[in-house]
Each structure stands twice: as structure tokens, then as C-alpha cells.
Amino acid sequence: MKKLICAVIISLLSFNSLAQVEPKNTKTSLGVNFDYGYILKHSENLRAFDDAFPIGIGLEWGKMLLSKSAWEFCNCIPKVGAEIAFWRWDNPEILGNGLLAMGFVEPYFRTHKRLNLKFRAGLGGAYLSNPYDVENNPDNLSYSTDLSFAIMVGMGLNYRLTEQLDVGMLIKYNHTSNGGVKSPNKGLNFPSLNLSLNKSLEAVEYPDFQKIENRQPPETKSRISLAYFSSWNDIDLEQQETFYVFGVSGQYSRWIGKRSALSLGTELILDYARRENIRLNGLDNNFIQAAGLLGHEFWLGKVTFSQQFGIYYYKDFNVRNDIYQRYGITYNFTKHLFAGVNLKAHGHVADFFDLRIGYTF
């Protein structure tokens, strides 16, 4: 979790630095948003409370970056900002309420049209009102500290009503955790539907860089890359400890036009939470996992968004499905060196976030 936080901070600072280079090419906006979500009970230890449908109400401040350098960073019009939101978790006796504050980056695409595609990633902190207490609140295994980290990723649509007024919709995945500082720490994982209304303080005229300059294919239409990744995991262990995860992956990607590429690869995962699970069950299985990967990538300048399906071809200890998903974002520092974050999930159940660094040949 700490490594994931560092990676998102790097992304936030990278986009924000673009605003400092050409401050005259920015527009400031204020907004209000509403979230309706569902708390995932991703661990058997969380079955003690009923289904919860949290509601969030928030305010945000943003700065749209309209410079050519910002466009070249991601082949998009990025927005950076900050938001604060009050969340009612729909189970006040156990989960209480929360106040989340975070910075975010939000790339916009198709800005020459009224209807835009957008992505959002945010990082910040959360104040949570009713932490675990062995006597007064023993059922709250989601968090045990008042203060936690908060992370959010999402994608959706934005519609420009006027040159100053926008409405938007996001499908978000939200997560809070204290980063393993204190147990229990199962975390709050809650996808949500977000509706927003934003007003710019000035009329916004989006530069149409895509129409002015026809998009050219990359010099190299295929990539072979190797990456090392690491994270922490707990995998429903009763003692609520976290264990180290690391692995390596190799991948071949091929450009197929516009911004897209198809990818084929493999990865080897060493998850020490699974090794501990095997030990606790008195087994002698091998905890190493190996899988093939098939996916799609968006090549957006120096930024790459990826979505992959993984299929295990070696898994001696079976605790999850044979098929899983990966969602990632990476940034290319040079022609060869990249770094990023990635989420591994089995269906709606998150397995772990990881931080990765790699080399492209």
C-alpha cells in the first residue's frame, strides 16, 4: 500500500508540474458531486455486517491544463485538483462515517466534442469515525485507526452544457486502508456511481490539437517489456497480518491503430500470504503461481492504460478462481524505462495493488 501511494503521488506531481510550466493556459473550476456505492465484503471476516450502500457528498476544486505540453504528456487535456467528501457508510453502528480528502488527476479525451471520455485517479486521506475496538466495536475488521489512506480510480463521461458548465458521470473504485500500521485492517472497498456538476470561473475553449495535427503511429509498433512488481497481501488470514508479494512479468504488445495495442504475456507471482495460508492448513503445497496474460492497452503518449485477463497455468494451492483481471497505468520516463501501479482482482474481489518498474526493449 505504501508503494502504491508513492506511485500515485508521482503521477499527481507530474501532472501538476505541467500547470506550473504554462500557468496562463489553465482554467479553474468548482464542483459538487454525489456518490452512491456498495461496500464489498471481500473477506469472510466481514460477513458480520449486512449489505451496506454508502452515500457520499463532496466539493471539488480543479484546474484544467490547456497547454500543448500538457497535451503531449498524455494525448489528452488533463485536469488536476482536490476534493473533500462526507461519506455515510450505511452501517453506522459498526462502520460509522467518513470524511475523505484527496488530490486527483483527470485526463479528458474527445474534448473537441461536447461529450467527452474521462478517467480519474485520486490519492489522499480519510478520517473514519468508528474504528475497531475489542470491547465496543469488535465487528469492525475493516479499519482500526481514525486516520487512513484513501485511493480512488474511475472512468466515465463528461458533457459540456455551456462554455462554463459541465455535468459528469464516473464509475469509481474506492479504497481506504491504514497501510498496515495497525490491525485489523481489511480496508473499505466500495465501488460507486458518481454524478457531478462543475462550473468554470471563466469560459473554456478547448484547443483541438488532434485536429490540427493528425495523430501519427509510434516509431516502433511493437514492444517487448519486462517488469518487476511488489506489494502486500493478507488473503483472509485470521491473525490479520500482511505478507510480502513480489513477481516478474514479460509481455509483447502490438499497435493496432488509433491509440490501441494488443498484448500477450506471462507472469510469476510469489505471494507469501498464500504460503502462510498453506502452513496454517498443515499442507505442503507450493505457493508459487504462474499465469498467461491477454489484454489491451491505450498508448497515450508517455502514459499507458492497460486491461488484462490472466489464466493460471500453474497454481498448486487453489484458493481463488483460475481466471483474474489486471488493471494498470504506467508512465514512460524514457524510451526504455517505465513505472506504474496495477490492480489484480478475481471478479469483484481485489487481490492486491502493486507497484512496478520495468524495461522496454
Foldseek 3Di string as FASTA:
>chain_A
DVLQQVQVVVVQVVLVVLCVVPVVQKFKKKKKKKKWKWWDPLAPLLPPDDTWIKIKIKIKIKMWGQDPVSCLQFVFTKMKIKMWMKMDRRCCQAFNIKIWIWIKMKTWPPVVDQKIKIKMKIKGKMFTDHADDVPRHPSRQQHHDRMWIKIKIWIWMKGDPFQFKIKIKIWMWMWIFRQQPDGSHNTTIMTIIMIMMMGIPDGDDHDDPCVVDPDDADPDFKWKKKKKKKFWFQRRDPVNHIWIKIKMKIKMWGHDDDFKIKMKIKMKMDHVNQVVVCVVVVHDWDAIWMWIKIWMWGHGNQKIWIKIKIATPDGRDDDADRIKMKTWMKGHPDPFKIKTKMWIGRVPRTGTIIIMIMTID
